[in-house]
């Protein structure tokens, strides 16, 4: 039979991880309670390759608006990733400056503690 399920309860031809809604009826529609990022990515890639959104929607059992949201988020993530500069000299200078500030702050704290332990009463004035 074309729609027979394998031993794991997954109908052949259905998206990976999709399980039958009834568990026993081979012709039942697939119902997915939670979509992993990898499965969403596969669906989005299908849309980006040009498959009709209504056909993909019917096949995976997800509303069109949700598939479009996934696609839009994926494209926004791609844009953000592509805008990052590699070997940006300004970013490396900023990192160096932050590192140096951290070193200086630690040095100041160490010197303040040494000063307090050597002269704990140095800040007080004598009452003459």
C-alpha atoms as a PDB file:
ATOM      1  CA  UNK A   1       0.000   0.000   0.000  1.00  0.00           C
ATOM      2  CA  UNK A   2       1.182   3.521  -0.766  1.00  0.00           C
ATOM      3  CA  UNK A   3       0.094   5.113   2.540  1.00  0.00           C
ATOM      4  CA  UNK A   4       1.184   2.332   4.903  1.00  0.00           C
ATOM      5  CA  UNK A   5       3.036   3.460   7.975  1.00  0.00           C
ATOM      6  CA  UNK A   6       6.375   2.079   9.028  1.00  0.00           C
ATOM      7  CA  UNK A   7       7.033   0.678  12.500  1.00  0.00           C
ATOM      8  CA  UNK A   8       7.703   4.133  13.967  1.00  0.00           C
ATOM      9  CA  UNK A   9       4.220   5.412  13.127  1.00  0.00           C
ATOM     10  CA  UNK A  10       5.424   7.769  10.399  1.00  0.00           C
ATOM     11  CA  UNK A  11       3.596   7.697   7.111  1.00  0.00           C
ATOM     12  CA  UNK A  12       5.946   7.397   4.114  1.00  0.00           C
ATOM     13  CA  UNK A  13       5.962  10.552   2.031  1.00  0.00           C
ATOM     14  CA  UNK A  14       5.014  12.725   4.983  1.00  0.00           C
ATOM     15  CA  UNK A  15       7.456  15.307   6.351  1.00  0.00           C
ATOM     16  CA  UNK A  16      10.104  13.833   8.616  1.00  0.00           C
ATOM     17  CA  UNK A  17       8.770  13.564  12.139  1.00  0.00           C
ATOM     18  CA  UNK A  18       5.132  13.983  11.139  1.00  0.00           C
ATOM     19  CA  UNK A  19       2.880  11.499  12.909  1.00  0.00           C
ATOM     20  CA  UNK A  20      -0.573  10.348  12.038  1.00  0.00           C
ATOM     21  CA  UNK A  21      -3.372  12.100  13.934  1.00  0.00           C
ATOM     22  CA  UNK A  22      -5.176   8.850  14.717  1.00  0.00           C
ATOM     23  CA  UNK A  23      -2.250   6.481  15.014  1.00  0.00           C
ATOM     24  CA  UNK A  24      -4.090   3.612  13.352  1.00  0.00           C
ATOM     25  CA  UNK A  25      -5.687   4.953  10.189  1.00  0.00           C
ATOM     26  CA  UNK A  26      -3.141   4.925   7.344  1.00  0.00           C
ATOM     27  CA  UNK A  27      -5.179   7.471   5.366  1.00  0.00           C
ATOM     28  CA  UNK A  28      -5.403  10.018   8.203  1.00  0.00           C
ATOM     29  CA  UNK A  29      -3.842  13.463   7.772  1.00  0.00           C
ATOM     30  CA  UNK A  30      -0.525  14.100   9.492  1.00  0.00           C
ATOM     31  CA  UNK A  31      -0.685  16.227  12.651  1.00  0.00           C
ATOM     32  CA  UNK A  32       2.437  17.754  14.100  1.00  0.00           C
ATOM     33  CA  UNK A  33       2.353  19.166  17.621  1.00  0.00           C
ATOM     34  CA  UNK A  34       5.758  20.849  17.493  1.00  0.00           C
ATOM     35  CA  UNK A  35       7.882  21.894  14.536  1.00  0.00           C
ATOM     36  CA  UNK A  36      11.649  21.730  14.952  1.00  0.00           C
ATOM     37  CA  UNK A  37      13.834  24.405  13.417  1.00  0.00           C
ATOM     38  CA  UNK A  38      15.249  21.867  10.967  1.00  0.00           C
ATOM     39  CA  UNK A  39      11.789  20.908   9.710  1.00  0.00           C
ATOM     40  CA  UNK A  40      10.765  24.550   9.390  1.00  0.00           C
ATOM     41  CA  UNK A  41      13.955  25.206   7.438  1.00  0.00           C
ATOM     42  CA  UNK A  42      13.158  22.405   4.997  1.00  0.00           C
ATOM     43  CA  UNK A  43       9.687  23.856   4.376  1.00  0.00           C
ATOM     44  CA  UNK A  44      11.089  27.381   3.922  1.00  0.00           C
ATOM     45  CA  UNK A  45      13.720  26.111   1.493  1.00  0.00           C
ATOM     46  CA  UNK A  46      10.970  24.494  -0.562  1.00  0.00           C
ATOM     47  CA  UNK A  47       9.177  27.840  -0.705  1.00  0.00           C
ATOM     48  CA  UNK A  48      12.366  29.652  -1.691  1.00  0.00           C
ATOM     49  CA  UNK A  49      12.942  27.122  -4.475  1.00  0.00           C
ATOM     50  CA  UNK A  50       9.627  28.201  -5.969  1.00  0.00           C
ATOM     51  CA  UNK A  51       7.147  25.555  -4.845  1.00  0.00           C
ATOM     52  CA  UNK A  52       3.627  27.019  -4.606  1.00  0.00           C
ATOM     53  CA  UNK A  53       2.839  28.055  -1.048  1.00  0.00           C
ATOM     54  CA  UNK A  54      -0.701  26.673  -1.216  1.00  0.00           C
ATOM     55  CA  UNK A  55       0.549  23.229  -2.271  1.00  0.00           C
ATOM     56  CA  UNK A  56       3.170  23.163   0.497  1.00  0.00           C
ATOM     57  CA  UNK A  57       0.548  24.360   2.976  1.00  0.00           C
ATOM     58  CA  UNK A  58      -1.789  21.514   2.091  1.00  0.00           C
ATOM     59  CA  UNK A  59       0.995  18.954   2.180  1.00  0.00           C
ATOM     60  CA  UNK A  60       2.415  19.896   5.573  1.00  0.00           C
ATOM     61  CA  UNK A  61      -0.925  20.871   7.127  1.00  0.00           C
ATOM     62  CA  UNK A  62       0.138  24.368   8.095  1.00  0.00           C
ATOM     63  CA  UNK A  63      -1.751  27.598   7.271  1.00  0.00           C
ATOM     64  CA  UNK A  64      -0.304  29.757   4.501  1.00  0.00           C
ATOM     65  CA  UNK A  65       0.127  32.789   6.751  1.00  0.00           C
ATOM     66  CA  UNK A  66       2.325  30.732   9.101  1.00  0.00           C
ATOM     67  CA  UNK A  67       4.521  29.498   6.243  1.00  0.00           C
ATOM     68  CA  UNK A  68       4.901  33.083   5.037  1.00  0.00           C
ATOM     69  CA  UNK A  69       5.931  34.161   8.554  1.00  0.00           C
ATOM     70  CA  UNK A  70       8.595  31.448   8.618  1.00  0.00           C
ATOM     71  CA  UNK A  71       9.861  32.526   5.191  1.00  0.00           C
ATOM     72  CA  UNK A  72       9.968  36.207   6.204  1.00  0.00           C
ATOM     73  CA  UNK A  73      11.862  35.403   9.418  1.00  0.00           C
ATOM     74  CA  UNK A  74      14.333  33.248   7.508  1.00  0.00           C
ATOM     75  CA  UNK A  75      14.960  36.032   4.988  1.00  0.00           C
ATOM     76  CA  UNK A  76      15.421  38.574   7.802  1.00  0.00           C
ATOM     77  CA  UNK A  77      17.951  36.260   9.439  1.00  0.00           C
ATOM     78  CA  UNK A  78      19.803  35.899   6.171  1.00  0.00           C
ATOM     79  CA  UNK A  79      19.913  39.676   5.747  1.00  0.00           C
ATOM     80  CA  UNK A  80      21.308  40.132   9.251  1.00  0.00           C
ATOM     81  CA  UNK A  81      23.916  37.449   8.681  1.00  0.00           C
ATOM     82  CA  UNK A  82      25.028  38.919   5.394  1.00  0.00           C
ATOM     83  CA  UNK A  83      25.317  42.438   6.820  1.00  0.00           C
ATOM     84  CA  UNK A  84      27.949  41.355   9.344  1.00  0.00           C
ATOM     85  CA  UNK A  85      31.407  42.428   8.337  1.00  0.00           C
ATOM     86  CA  UNK A  86      34.263  40.008   8.431  1.00  0.00           C
ATOM     87  CA  UNK A  87      37.567  41.335   9.720  1.00  0.00           C
ATOM     88  CA  UNK A  88      36.060  44.752  10.442  1.00  0.00           C
ATOM     89  CA  UNK A  89      38.910  46.973  11.686  1.00  0.00           C
ATOM     90  CA  UNK A  90      36.556  49.140  13.742  1.00  0.00           C
ATOM     91  CA  UNK A  91      35.137  46.098  15.519  1.00  0.00           C
ATOM     92  CA  UNK A  92      38.614  44.774  16.316  1.00  0.00           C
ATOM     93  CA  UNK A  93      39.686  48.181  17.653  1.00  0.00           C
ATOM     94  CA  UNK A  94      36.579  48.309  19.818  1.00  0.00           C
ATOM     95  CA  UNK A  95      37.293  44.812  21.147  1.00  0.00           C
ATOM     96  CA  UNK A  96      40.885  45.813  21.937  1.00  0.00           C
ATOM     97  CA  UNK A  97      39.691  48.965  23.721  1.00  0.00           C
ATOM     98  CA  UNK A  98      37.157  46.993  25.791  1.00  0.00           C
ATOM     99  CA  UNK A  99      39.826  44.463  26.734  1.00  0.00           C
ATOM    100  CA  UNK A 100      42.220  47.252  27.808  1.00  0.00           C
ATOM    101  CA  UNK A 101      39.497  48.976  29.845  1.00  0.00           C
ATOM    102  CA  UNK A 102      38.831  45.699  31.637  1.00  0.00           C
ATOM    103  CA  UNK A 103      42.525  45.301  32.442  1.00  0.00           C
ATOM    104  CA  UNK A 104      42.741  48.864  33.761  1.00  0.00           C
ATOM    105  CA  UNK A 105      39.658  48.445  35.946  1.00  0.00           C
ATOM    106  CA  UNK A 106      41.145  45.308  37.487  1.00  0.00           C
ATOM    107  CA  UNK A 107      44.460  47.112  38.070  1.00  0.00           C
ATOM    108  CA  UNK A 108      42.693  49.991  39.850  1.00  0.00           C
ATOM    109  CA  UNK A 109      40.755  47.573  42.055  1.00  0.00           C
ATOM    110  CA  UNK A 110      43.941  45.695  43.004  1.00  0.00           C
ATOM    111  CA  UNK A 111      45.773  48.931  43.817  1.00  0.00           C
ATOM    112  CA  UNK A 112      42.856  50.180  45.928  1.00  0.00           C
ATOM    113  CA  UNK A 113      42.814  46.959  47.952  1.00  0.00           C
ATOM    114  CA  UNK A 114      46.601  47.100  48.482  1.00  0.00           C
ATOM    115  CA  UNK A 115      46.325  50.693  49.640  1.00  0.00           C
ATOM    116  CA  UNK A 116      43.561  49.842  52.107  1.00  0.00           C
ATOM    117  CA  UNK A 117      45.512  46.947  53.613  1.00  0.00           C
ATOM    118  CA  UNK A 118      48.749  48.979  54.032  1.00  0.00           C
ATOM    119  CA  UNK A 119      47.145  52.101  55.525  1.00  0.00           C
ATOM    120  CA  UNK A 120      43.632  51.270  56.746  1.00  0.00           C
ATOM    121  CA  UNK A 121      43.392  54.445  58.843  1.00  0.00           C
ATOM    122  CA  UNK A 122      45.080  56.791  56.362  1.00  0.00           C
ATOM    123  CA  UNK A 123      41.839  58.542  55.557  1.00  0.00           C
ATOM    124  CA  UNK A 124      41.186  59.640  59.151  1.00  0.00           C
ATOM    125  CA  UNK A 125      42.347  62.993  60.516  1.00  0.00           C
ATOM    126  CA  UNK A 126      43.931  63.378  63.888  1.00  0.00           C
ATOM    127  CA  UNK A 127      42.041  65.398  66.467  1.00  0.00           C
ATOM    128  CA  UNK A 128      44.704  67.788  67.764  1.00  0.00           C
END
